[in-house]
Amino acid sequence: MTRPPTAAQRRVIDAADPVTGRLRGTESQLTALVKRGLAFRHPRPPHDHFLTPEGHRVRQGITPVPEPAAPGEAPASTGVFAARVGGEEAAADAGPARRREVHSAWQGLLELRRMTNPGGGTDRPCGWERTHLVRAAALALEAAGHAPAGREGGGYRVRETPQPEAVAVHEPDGAALRACAATLEGAGWQVSEHREPRTGNRYLLASPRRA
């Protein structure tokens, strides 16, 4: 499990603006939170720092988890919240508690879009999503009610690709794959359908829309 924030970091997180997630702290404290993925620095002046969706989860008492360790592999189960990319042992757990966590994370992401996108638009991905492509796409799918794949069987799987701003979404059921495409397009992603050269299986390439 990821090491919890230090007491000083926790005080900074707890003192964040309850609506916007804007942070106040020393430069070293804010830099440390950015390195841990709990905060990000706004690219436009005055370059304030804000909580990421993981940071919001910590503020609510749930510790974040790290990125998937390797392309093409699902992250190990840690017992704490993370958007399910498909292939996890816990993917079958879709009870009320999980749905509440996913809904809360998605609302936090929409707020992040509102605070950081030009004009406050929530209809397209924000900078944080562009640096966490797999988790961002997986959260959009899970929040919309799509089922992530377990260790075996059907369900979506979101994976990294060699392309710098694209993820691959695999789903063996054709209708479910098209539904995933519609969800991602509605969440502000550009989506195209392709076939794997060797197997002929269909999959999606999804990239965050910029405008």
Protein backbone atom coordinates (compact mmCIF):
# COMPACT_ATOMS: atom_id res chain seq x y z
CA MET A 1 0.00 0.00 0.00
CA THR A 2 1.21 3.54 -0.76
CA ARG A 3 2.89 5.30 2.17
CA PRO A 4 0.42 7.77 3.71
CA PRO A 5 1.14 11.52 3.63
CA THR A 6 3.26 12.99 6.39
CA ALA A 7 1.58 14.96 9.15
CA ALA A 8 2.67 18.25 7.54
CA GLN A 9 1.40 17.14 4.13
CA ARG A 10 -1.87 16.02 5.66
CA ARG A 11 -2.37 19.44 7.24
CA VAL A 12 -1.88 21.10 3.85
CA ILE A 13 -4.37 18.69 2.24
CA ASP A 14 -6.94 19.14 5.00
CA ALA A 15 -6.66 22.94 4.68
CA ALA A 16 -7.37 22.88 0.93
CA ASP A 17 -10.32 24.88 -0.32
CA PRO A 18 -13.30 22.50 0.05
CA VAL A 19 -14.75 23.47 -3.34
CA THR A 20 -11.80 24.15 -5.64
CA GLY A 21 -9.09 22.07 -3.95
CA ARG A 22 -6.69 25.03 -4.03
CA LEU A 23 -3.73 24.46 -1.73
CA ARG A 24 -1.63 26.73 0.46
CA GLY A 25 1.74 25.66 1.83
CA THR A 26 5.49 26.04 1.52
CA GLU A 27 7.12 25.42 -1.84
CA SER A 28 8.71 22.22 -0.55
CA GLN A 29 5.39 20.92 0.80
CA LEU A 30 3.58 21.62 -2.47
CA THR A 31 6.40 20.12 -4.55
CA ALA A 32 6.30 16.96 -2.44
CA LEU A 33 2.53 16.65 -2.96
CA VAL A 34 2.99 17.07 -6.72
CA LYS A 35 5.64 14.33 -6.79
CA ARG A 36 3.24 11.99 -4.99
CA GLY A 37 0.45 12.73 -7.44
CA LEU A 38 -1.73 14.37 -4.81
CA ALA A 39 -1.48 17.87 -6.26
CA PHE A 40 -0.65 19.61 -9.50
CA ARG A 41 0.69 23.06 -10.37
CA HIS A 42 -1.60 25.11 -12.57
CA PRO A 43 0.20 25.94 -15.84
CA ARG A 44 -1.09 29.53 -15.95
CA PRO A 45 -0.11 32.38 -13.58
CA PRO A 46 -0.26 32.66 -10.63
CA HIS A 47 0.58 28.92 -10.84
CA ASP A 48 -1.47 27.91 -7.83
CA HIS A 49 -1.50 24.30 -6.67
CA PHE A 50 -4.66 22.18 -6.58
CA LEU A 51 -5.58 18.72 -5.34
CA THR A 52 -5.72 15.97 -7.95
CA PRO A 53 -8.54 13.39 -7.78
CA GLU A 54 -6.19 11.26 -5.64
CA GLY A 55 -5.64 14.24 -3.37
CA HIS A 56 -9.37 14.68 -2.97
CA ARG A 57 -9.63 11.00 -2.03
CA VAL A 58 -6.96 11.46 0.65
CA ARG A 59 -8.87 14.46 1.99
CA GLN A 60 -11.87 12.15 2.33
CA GLY A 61 -9.80 9.56 4.19
CA ILE A 62 -8.84 7.18 1.36
CA THR A 63 -5.16 6.74 0.50
CA PRO A 64 -4.21 6.89 -3.21
CA VAL A 65 -2.43 4.15 -5.12
CA PRO A 66 0.44 4.40 -7.60
CA GLU A 67 0.28 4.21 -11.38
CA PRO A 68 0.21 0.80 -13.11
CA ALA A 69 3.79 -0.43 -13.08
CA ALA A 70 4.16 -1.64 -16.67
CA PRO A 71 2.35 -1.18 -19.99
CA GLY A 72 -0.14 -3.94 -20.74
CA GLU A 73 -0.44 -5.07 -17.15
CA ALA A 74 -3.14 -4.32 -14.62
CA PRO A 75 -2.05 -2.82 -11.29
CA ALA A 76 -1.90 -5.05 -8.29
CA SER A 77 -4.85 -4.89 -5.92
CA THR A 78 -4.07 -2.80 -2.83
CA GLY A 79 -7.46 -2.56 -1.17
CA VAL A 80 -7.70 1.22 -1.74
CA PHE A 81 -9.38 3.29 -4.43
CA ALA A 82 -8.07 3.34 -7.99
CA ALA A 83 -9.90 3.54 -11.29
CA ARG A 84 -10.11 -0.04 -12.58
CA VAL A 85 -8.28 -0.47 -15.86
CA GLY A 86 -9.40 -4.09 -16.27
CA GLY A 87 -7.59 -7.27 -15.34
CA GLU A 88 -7.63 -6.74 -11.58
CA GLU A 89 -8.75 -9.52 -9.28
CA ALA A 90 -11.11 -7.10 -7.54
CA ALA A 91 -12.79 -5.96 -10.78
CA ALA A 92 -15.90 -8.02 -10.05
CA ASP A 93 -16.61 -5.97 -6.90
CA ALA A 94 -19.16 -3.42 -8.12
CA GLY A 95 -21.25 -2.99 -4.97
CA PRO A 96 -22.77 0.22 -3.62
CA ALA A 97 -19.59 1.27 -1.77
CA ARG A 98 -17.54 0.97 -4.94
CA ARG A 99 -20.11 2.90 -6.96
CA ARG A 100 -20.05 5.71 -4.40
CA GLU A 101 -16.26 5.90 -4.54
CA VAL A 102 -16.25 5.99 -8.33
CA HIS A 103 -18.96 8.65 -8.42
CA SER A 104 -17.02 10.80 -5.94
CA ALA A 105 -13.80 10.45 -7.94
CA TRP A 106 -15.57 11.37 -11.18
CA GLN A 107 -17.15 14.46 -9.61
CA GLY A 108 -13.71 15.46 -8.33
CA LEU A 109 -12.31 15.09 -11.84
CA LEU A 110 -15.08 17.26 -13.30
CA GLU A 111 -14.28 19.91 -10.71
CA LEU A 112 -10.62 19.67 -11.70
CA ARG A 113 -11.64 20.28 -15.31
CA ARG A 114 -13.76 23.27 -14.31
CA MET A 115 -10.91 24.83 -12.36
CA THR A 116 -8.11 24.25 -14.89
CA ASN A 117 -9.56 24.19 -18.41
CA PRO A 118 -9.74 27.53 -20.26
CA GLY A 119 -13.20 28.94 -19.76
CA GLY A 120 -13.97 26.39 -17.06
CA GLY A 121 -15.15 23.78 -19.58
CA THR A 122 -15.91 20.33 -18.20
CA ASP A 123 -16.57 18.78 -21.62
CA ARG A 124 -12.95 17.92 -22.37
CA PRO A 125 -10.05 16.37 -20.42
CA CYS A 126 -7.75 18.57 -18.34
CA GLY A 127 -4.00 18.59 -17.95
CA TRP A 128 -4.03 16.00 -15.18
CA GLU A 129 -5.85 13.53 -17.43
CA ARG A 130 -3.29 14.03 -20.20
CA THR A 131 -0.54 12.90 -17.86
CA HIS A 132 -2.58 9.99 -16.43
CA LEU A 133 -4.21 8.68 -19.60
CA VAL A 134 -4.93 5.11 -18.52
CA ARG A 135 -6.44 6.04 -15.18
CA ALA A 136 -8.43 8.94 -16.67
CA ALA A 137 -9.99 6.82 -19.43
CA ALA A 138 -10.70 3.98 -17.01
CA LEU A 139 -12.41 6.34 -14.57
CA ALA A 140 -14.64 7.71 -17.35
CA LEU A 141 -15.66 4.16 -18.30
CA GLU A 142 -16.23 2.89 -14.77
CA ALA A 143 -18.14 6.02 -13.76
CA ALA A 144 -20.48 5.45 -16.71
CA GLY A 145 -21.25 1.93 -15.51
CA HIS A 146 -19.10 -0.14 -17.85
CA ALA A 147 -17.76 -3.37 -16.38
CA PRO A 148 -13.99 -3.78 -16.12
CA ALA A 149 -12.55 -7.14 -17.04
CA GLY A 150 -11.52 -9.53 -14.30
CA ARG A 151 -8.54 -11.83 -14.59
CA GLU A 152 -10.43 -13.69 -17.29
CA GLY A 153 -13.56 -13.12 -19.33
CA GLY A 154 -15.29 -10.07 -20.76
CA GLY A 155 -15.15 -6.46 -19.75
CA TYR A 156 -13.04 -3.49 -20.77
CA ARG A 157 -9.27 -3.26 -20.45
CA VAL A 158 -7.49 0.10 -20.79
CA ARG A 159 -3.81 -0.06 -21.68
CA GLU A 160 -0.96 2.24 -22.62
CA THR A 161 0.14 2.50 -26.26
CA PRO A 162 3.36 3.61 -27.97
CA GLN A 163 1.52 6.77 -29.03
CA PRO A 164 2.24 9.68 -26.67
CA GLU A 165 -1.37 10.74 -26.07
CA ALA A 166 -3.47 7.66 -26.70
CA VAL A 167 -4.72 4.63 -24.81
CA ALA A 168 -6.10 1.37 -26.16
CA VAL A 169 -9.43 0.04 -24.95
CA HIS A 170 -10.11 -3.66 -25.45
CA GLU A 171 -13.53 -5.26 -25.02
CA PRO A 172 -14.34 -8.63 -26.63
CA ASP A 173 -18.05 -7.85 -27.02
CA GLY A 174 -18.62 -5.67 -30.08
CA ALA A 175 -21.69 -3.88 -28.71
CA ALA A 176 -19.93 -3.19 -25.41
CA LEU A 177 -16.89 -1.86 -27.29
CA ARG A 178 -19.08 0.57 -29.22
CA ALA A 179 -20.73 1.63 -25.96
CA CYS A 180 -17.28 2.33 -24.50
CA ALA A 181 -16.51 4.47 -27.54
CA ALA A 182 -19.70 6.48 -27.03
CA THR A 183 -18.88 7.02 -23.35
CA LEU A 184 -15.36 8.24 -24.04
CA GLU A 185 -16.54 10.54 -26.81
CA GLY A 186 -19.12 11.99 -24.41
CA ALA A 187 -16.35 12.49 -21.84
CA GLY A 188 -14.27 14.55 -24.27
CA TRP A 189 -12.06 11.93 -25.90
CA GLN A 190 -11.40 11.40 -29.62
CA VAL A 191 -12.01 7.75 -30.41
CA SER A 192 -11.30 5.57 -33.42
CA GLU A 193 -11.81 1.83 -33.94
CA HIS A 194 -9.07 -0.47 -35.24
CA ARG A 195 -8.25 -4.14 -35.75
CA GLU A 196 -5.25 -5.95 -34.32
CA PRO A 197 -3.15 -7.13 -37.27
CA ARG A 198 -2.54 -10.67 -36.02
CA THR A 199 -5.83 -11.52 -34.33
CA GLY A 200 -8.28 -9.28 -36.16
CA ASN A 201 -9.84 -8.30 -32.81
CA ARG A 202 -11.34 -4.84 -32.69
CA TYR A 203 -10.12 -2.25 -30.18
CA LEU A 204 -10.33 1.50 -29.60
CA LEU A 205 -7.68 4.18 -29.66
CA ALA A 206 -8.70 7.12 -27.48
CA SER A 207 -6.99 10.50 -27.09
CA PRO A 208 -8.02 13.51 -25.00
CA ARG A 209 -9.77 16.13 -27.12
CA ARG A 210 -8.10 19.55 -27.01
CA ALA A 211 -10.91 21.79 -28.25
